Structure formats: structure tokens, C-alpha cells
Amino acid sequence: MPSVWVTTLFIIVLAVVTFLPFPFIHPVRVRRFRKLNLSLLVIGCVLAFVAIACNMAPPAWVTGVLCVLGAYMLGGGVLRGAGRAYR
């Protein structure tokens, strides 16, 4: 688990990126892989509710899957912005 400072820095960077023209995967607007993106969004929502039901201390596999889904959405946006995917 990362330290509090690493987590805080990561959240600050993502908050700043919110106000920049940063590409991201919108599950409905991106036509290519739409079914995959929507499916992953639903899985992420279900796992988020599992995490909440576990008082934000879910099993390690739930945390891992949520991290992988977040990395996919972030990485897919970067690739989309670079023009290599999701055209």
C-alpha cells in the first residue's frame, strides 16, 4: 500500500488533470470497444459497492480489480489522445 504522501500527490495530480484538456475514455461516446467499456464500468460500479459494503476495507482482489480498471481507463485515454487507439 502506498504511503499517505504518495496517495495525496497522486490525487492532487489527477485533480489538476481534471481541468486540463486530457483525453479519457467515455464509455458511451467512444464507439470502438463500447461494449467492453460499458461492461467494465458496470463491473467497477458493482465492486465499488462491495468496497463500500465492506466499510472501505474490501478483499485484496476487489482492490486489485478496481486498480486495474482505473489503469485501463487512464491508459486508454492516453492512447486515445495519442491517436493510436479508439478512433
C-alpha atoms as a PDB file:
ATOM      1  CA  MET A   1       0.000   0.000   0.000  1.00  0.00           C
ATOM      2  CA  PRO A   2       1.424   3.418  -0.924  1.00  0.00           C
ATOM      3  CA  SER A   3       2.149   5.951   1.772  1.00  0.00           C
ATOM      4  CA  VAL A   4      -0.235   8.764   2.572  1.00  0.00           C
ATOM      5  CA  TRP A   5       2.011  11.282   0.798  1.00  0.00           C
ATOM      6  CA  VAL A   6       2.186   9.260  -2.415  1.00  0.00           C
ATOM      7  CA  THR A   7      -1.585   8.815  -2.436  1.00  0.00           C
ATOM      8  CA  THR A   8      -2.148  12.518  -1.731  1.00  0.00           C
ATOM      9  CA  LEU A   9       0.222  13.546  -4.519  1.00  0.00           C
ATOM     10  CA  PHE A  10      -1.496  11.180  -6.960  1.00  0.00           C
ATOM     11  CA  ILE A  11      -4.922  12.596  -6.092  1.00  0.00           C
ATOM     12  CA  ILE A  12      -3.651  16.168  -6.498  1.00  0.00           C
ATOM     13  CA  VAL A  13      -2.197  15.357  -9.934  1.00  0.00           C
ATOM     14  CA  LEU A  14      -5.467  13.757 -11.060  1.00  0.00           C
ATOM     15  CA  ALA A  15      -7.439  16.730  -9.709  1.00  0.00           C
ATOM     16  CA  VAL A  16      -5.271  19.127 -11.739  1.00  0.00           C
ATOM     17  CA  VAL A  17      -5.641  16.961 -14.856  1.00  0.00           C
ATOM     18  CA  THR A  18      -9.420  17.332 -14.459  1.00  0.00           C
ATOM     19  CA  PHE A  19      -9.083  20.949 -15.571  1.00  0.00           C
ATOM     20  CA  LEU A  20      -6.720  20.212 -18.477  1.00  0.00           C
ATOM     21  CA  PRO A  21      -7.647  19.024 -21.963  1.00  0.00           C
ATOM     22  CA  PHE A  22      -6.775  15.446 -21.061  1.00  0.00           C
ATOM     23  CA  PRO A  23      -8.321  12.664 -23.147  1.00  0.00           C
ATOM     24  CA  PHE A  24     -10.220   9.929 -21.374  1.00  0.00           C
ATOM     25  CA  ILE A  25     -12.399   7.000 -22.272  1.00  0.00           C
ATOM     26  CA  HIS A  26     -16.054   7.903 -22.125  1.00  0.00           C
ATOM     27  CA  PRO A  27     -17.890   4.560 -22.037  1.00  0.00           C
ATOM     28  CA  VAL A  28     -20.793   5.777 -24.192  1.00  0.00           C
ATOM     29  CA  ARG A  29     -19.194   8.266 -26.578  1.00  0.00           C
ATOM     30  CA  VAL A  30     -16.262   6.139 -27.716  1.00  0.00           C
ATOM     31  CA  ARG A  31     -17.723   3.811 -30.341  1.00  0.00           C
ATOM     32  CA  ARG A  32     -14.838   1.399 -30.576  1.00  0.00           C
ATOM     33  CA  PHE A  33     -14.857  -1.045 -27.656  1.00  0.00           C
ATOM     34  CA  ARG A  34     -18.126   0.472 -26.343  1.00  0.00           C
ATOM     35  CA  LYS A  35     -19.476  -2.871 -25.116  1.00  0.00           C
ATOM     36  CA  LEU A  36     -16.208  -3.644 -23.340  1.00  0.00           C
ATOM     37  CA  ASN A  37     -16.033  -0.198 -21.752  1.00  0.00           C
ATOM     38  CA  LEU A  38     -19.638  -0.329 -20.568  1.00  0.00           C
ATOM     39  CA  SER A  39     -19.127  -3.826 -19.174  1.00  0.00           C
ATOM     40  CA  LEU A  40     -16.035  -2.711 -17.282  1.00  0.00           C
ATOM     41  CA  LEU A  41     -17.920   0.313 -15.966  1.00  0.00           C
ATOM     42  CA  VAL A  42     -20.683  -1.928 -14.594  1.00  0.00           C
ATOM     43  CA  ILE A  43     -18.117  -4.269 -13.014  1.00  0.00           C
ATOM     44  CA  GLY A  44     -16.366  -1.270 -11.462  1.00  0.00           C
ATOM     45  CA  CYS A  45     -19.627   0.047 -10.021  1.00  0.00           C
ATOM     46  CA  VAL A  46     -20.509  -3.333  -8.518  1.00  0.00           C
ATOM     47  CA  LEU A  47     -17.048  -3.656  -6.977  1.00  0.00           C
ATOM     48  CA  ALA A  48     -17.235  -0.099  -5.648  1.00  0.00           C
ATOM     49  CA  PHE A  49     -20.466  -1.013  -3.874  1.00  0.00           C
ATOM     50  CA  VAL A  50     -18.739  -4.130  -2.498  1.00  0.00           C
ATOM     51  CA  ALA A  51     -15.953  -1.904  -1.164  1.00  0.00           C
ATOM     52  CA  ILE A  52     -18.491   0.411   0.467  1.00  0.00           C
ATOM     53  CA  ALA A  53     -20.353  -2.551   1.970  1.00  0.00           C
ATOM     54  CA  CYS A  54     -17.056  -3.740   3.460  1.00  0.00           C
ATOM     55  CA  ASN A  55     -16.553  -0.358   5.164  1.00  0.00           C
ATOM     56  CA  MET A  56     -13.900   0.587   2.597  1.00  0.00           C
ATOM     57  CA  ALA A  57     -11.772  -2.410   3.572  1.00  0.00           C
ATOM     58  CA  PRO A  58     -12.628  -4.828   0.751  1.00  0.00           C
ATOM     59  CA  PRO A  59     -10.778  -8.046  -0.025  1.00  0.00           C
ATOM     60  CA  ALA A  60      -7.497  -7.620  -1.868  1.00  0.00           C
ATOM     61  CA  TRP A  61      -8.910  -8.958  -5.133  1.00  0.00           C
ATOM     62  CA  VAL A  62     -11.595  -6.236  -5.189  1.00  0.00           C
ATOM     63  CA  THR A  63      -8.962  -3.551  -4.695  1.00  0.00           C
ATOM     64  CA  GLY A  64      -6.781  -5.129  -7.371  1.00  0.00           C
ATOM     65  CA  VAL A  65      -9.557  -5.297  -9.945  1.00  0.00           C
ATOM     66  CA  LEU A  66     -10.577  -1.688  -9.246  1.00  0.00           C
ATOM     67  CA  CYS A  67      -6.948  -0.585  -9.706  1.00  0.00           C
ATOM     68  CA  VAL A  68      -6.686  -2.476 -12.993  1.00  0.00           C
ATOM     69  CA  LEU A  69      -9.937  -0.927 -14.223  1.00  0.00           C
ATOM     70  CA  GLY A  70      -8.718   2.540 -13.281  1.00  0.00           C
ATOM     71  CA  ALA A  71      -5.416   1.952 -15.064  1.00  0.00           C
ATOM     72  CA  TYR A  72      -7.287   0.751 -18.160  1.00  0.00           C
ATOM     73  CA  MET A  73      -9.458   3.866 -18.280  1.00  0.00           C
ATOM     74  CA  LEU A  74      -6.491   6.176 -17.693  1.00  0.00           C
ATOM     75  CA  GLY A  75      -4.195   4.339 -20.107  1.00  0.00           C
ATOM     76  CA  GLY A  76      -6.869   4.066 -22.778  1.00  0.00           C
ATOM     77  CA  GLY A  77      -7.390   7.803 -22.607  1.00  0.00           C
ATOM     78  CA  VAL A  78      -3.691   8.462 -23.030  1.00  0.00           C
ATOM     79  CA  LEU A  79      -3.536   6.126 -26.030  1.00  0.00           C
ATOM     80  CA  ARG A  80      -6.679   7.669 -27.474  1.00  0.00           C
ATOM     81  CA  GLY A  81      -5.179  11.120 -27.143  1.00  0.00           C
ATOM     82  CA  ALA A  82      -2.025   9.965 -28.874  1.00  0.00           C
ATOM     83  CA  GLY A  83      -4.176   8.812 -31.799  1.00  0.00           C
ATOM     84  CA  ARG A  84      -3.106   5.173 -31.568  1.00  0.00           C
ATOM     85  CA  ALA A  85      -6.386   3.659 -30.427  1.00  0.00           C
ATOM     86  CA  TYR A  86     -10.120   4.263 -30.107  1.00  0.00           C
ATOM     87  CA  ARG A  87     -10.596   6.082 -33.427  1.00  0.00           C
END
